[in-house]
Amino acid sequence: MPKVKVPRKSISMDMTAMCDVAFLLLTFFMLTTKFKPQEAVAVDIPSSVSEIKLPDTDIMTIAVDKDGGVYFGIDGQKPRAEMLEKMAKKYNIQFSEDEIREFALMPSFGTPVSSLKQVLHERGDARDKLQEGIPVDSMVNELKDWVYHARLVNPKIKIAIKGDKDSDYDMVARVIATLQEQNINKFNLITTMEAKPE
């Protein structure tokens, strides 16, 4: 008995729904992505085997660059604005609403309070050149005031020190001493992940 040959049919799939979903996902990610703002200074951090992750919120970052400049930043625009208002009262400096708004947009800064107005009016590389670090001397220690007011604004804030691997250890020790003057003995050191030794 001869076999009955079944005619082949080409399989066709309707890809319209899949394309719609792909474009919807692409649009969603494009609209919800938040780019990390540019920091005031690039810090090449050392590596370690620590696996403790820093939280995304309620974090204060004190960065020490390779030249020993100290930079300060906290997360959140509202806390930054409140912190600046408190510092302005302490140092008797008037900041306009635009200057406070501009400061709130800066993720970190590294300049004395007296020249902060000038930094806020500059943009890009000109702003970066004006920032040489927050004074952390024994005579003038503005970092201590920034830390104090940041903790007033956000009592739950956690402190992280981000030191460049080529920076002078004395400056990092001075930053730690500044924290310890305020009875802050719990802070994190930011490092990159290194493979565990076997």
Foldseek 3Di string as FASTA:
>chain_A
DDDDDDDDDDDDDDCPVVVVVVVVVVVVCVVPDDDDDDALDDAAFAEDADPDDDDPAQEKEWEQHLAGAIKIFHDALVLQLQLLVVVCVVVVHDDDPLLSNLRSPHRMAAAEPVCSVVLSPDDDPVSSVRHRHYDLDPVDRVVLSSVVSSCVSPVSHAYEYEYHPNHDVVSVVSVCVSCVVVVRPDHHYDHHHDDDDD
